[in-house]
Structures are given as structure tokens and as C-alpha cells.
């Protein structure tokens, strides 16, 4: 079961091999995950029963932090909390 605190986070750091890290909103991260899933020859077995790529991306966002897109090549995403300006002590 995923941590309910994760659902409260609105931003993610996305890591792809050979590319600079990206800071994305939750909505943009879902879109990024959908594109990653569409590029696969076959989705992971635990996602194959879900009706759409959007549902698969949502499940990944809630339950995982990495996806193997090619043999030995993994993309990762991590939820982060951004502090509003002036909120840090």
C-alpha cells in the first residue's frame, strides 16, 4: 500500500540516464510516465490488467519509483515537497 503522504506531494524529480534531472509537477510526471510506458514493447505484468496507459501511469506514480525501459536502463522519479519562498527556517 502506498503512503498517503505521497499523494499530497505535487512535484517530482525525474531521472533519465544521460539526461539532466527534471523537476516536474505531478500532472507533468504522469504525462512523462505515460510516454515512458508507450515506448515499451510490453508493460510490466502487474500493470497489464489496467485499462489504459493513464491508469498504468497513475499506479506507477502511487506505488513505485522506477521503471526499466530497456534491458539494464531504468528511469526513476521521486516525490519532493517544495517549500514556499520564505517558509524555510
Protein backbone atom coordinates (compact mmCIF):
# COMPACT_ATOMS: atom_id res chain seq x y z
CA UNK A 1 0.00 0.00 0.00
CA UNK A 2 1.36 3.42 -0.84
CA UNK A 3 1.99 6.09 1.74
CA UNK A 4 -0.92 8.59 1.81
CA UNK A 5 1.58 11.43 2.34
CA UNK A 6 2.93 10.82 -1.16
CA UNK A 7 -0.45 11.80 -2.63
CA UNK A 8 -0.10 15.21 -1.00
CA UNK A 9 3.12 15.97 -2.88
CA UNK A 10 2.83 17.98 -6.03
CA UNK A 11 6.31 17.75 -7.55
CA UNK A 12 8.73 15.05 -8.61
CA UNK A 13 12.37 14.81 -9.56
CA UNK A 14 12.66 12.71 -12.72
CA UNK A 15 15.91 10.95 -13.58
CA UNK A 16 16.72 9.52 -17.00
CA UNK A 17 20.12 8.07 -17.93
CA UNK A 18 22.17 10.58 -19.91
CA UNK A 19 19.80 13.48 -19.27
CA UNK A 20 19.79 16.22 -16.64
CA UNK A 21 17.35 15.76 -13.79
CA UNK A 22 13.97 17.38 -14.27
CA UNK A 23 11.64 18.92 -11.71
CA UNK A 24 8.05 18.23 -12.81
CA UNK A 25 4.57 18.83 -11.42
CA UNK A 26 2.53 15.75 -10.55
CA UNK A 27 0.48 16.19 -13.74
CA UNK A 28 3.62 16.52 -15.88
CA UNK A 29 5.13 13.47 -14.17
CA UNK A 30 2.04 11.46 -15.07
CA UNK A 31 2.41 12.55 -18.69
CA UNK A 32 6.10 11.64 -18.62
CA UNK A 33 5.26 8.19 -17.21
CA UNK A 34 2.62 7.67 -19.90
CA UNK A 35 5.21 8.44 -22.59
CA UNK A 36 7.67 6.02 -20.96
CA UNK A 37 5.03 3.29 -20.88
CA UNK A 38 4.06 3.86 -24.52
CA UNK A 39 7.70 3.41 -25.54
CA UNK A 40 7.86 -0.10 -24.03
CA UNK A 41 7.46 -3.24 -26.12
CA UNK A 42 5.41 -4.71 -23.25
CA UNK A 43 4.29 -3.13 -19.99
CA UNK A 44 5.22 -4.82 -16.71
CA UNK A 45 2.92 -7.71 -15.86
CA UNK A 46 1.49 -6.02 -12.77
CA UNK A 47 0.26 -3.12 -14.95
CA UNK A 48 -1.06 -5.16 -17.86
CA UNK A 49 -4.51 -5.63 -16.32
CA UNK A 50 -5.16 -1.89 -16.13
CA UNK A 51 -7.39 -0.47 -18.84
CA UNK A 52 -5.35 2.48 -20.03
CA UNK A 53 -1.86 3.93 -20.12
CA UNK A 54 -3.13 6.74 -17.87
CA UNK A 55 -4.25 4.17 -15.28
CA UNK A 56 -0.91 2.40 -15.54
CA UNK A 57 0.99 5.67 -15.06
CA UNK A 58 -1.15 6.55 -12.05
CA UNK A 59 -0.44 3.15 -10.47
CA UNK A 60 3.29 3.61 -11.03
CA UNK A 61 3.21 7.09 -9.53
CA UNK A 62 1.45 5.76 -6.42
CA UNK A 63 3.39 2.53 -5.91
CA UNK A 64 6.85 2.68 -7.49
CA UNK A 65 9.79 4.95 -8.18
CA UNK A 66 11.48 3.27 -11.14
CA UNK A 67 10.72 1.61 -14.44
CA UNK A 68 13.04 -0.45 -16.62
CA UNK A 69 12.59 0.94 -20.13
CA UNK A 70 15.26 -1.24 -21.77
CA UNK A 71 17.34 -4.10 -20.51
CA UNK A 72 19.59 -2.51 -17.89
CA UNK A 73 18.18 1.03 -18.44
CA UNK A 74 15.97 2.39 -15.69
CA UNK A 75 14.18 5.71 -15.28
CA UNK A 76 13.33 6.96 -11.79
CA UNK A 77 11.06 9.53 -10.16
CA UNK A 78 10.93 10.74 -6.58
CA UNK A 79 8.26 12.80 -4.87
CA UNK A 80 9.53 16.00 -3.30
CA UNK A 81 7.97 18.74 -1.25
CA UNK A 82 8.76 22.29 -2.28
CA UNK A 83 8.74 24.91 0.43
CA UNK A 84 7.15 28.23 -0.49
CA UNK A 85 9.60 31.16 -0.59
CA UNK A 86 10.32 32.42 2.91
CA UNK A 87 8.98 29.24 4.56
CA UNK A 88 12.40 27.76 5.36
CA UNK A 89 13.81 28.46 8.79
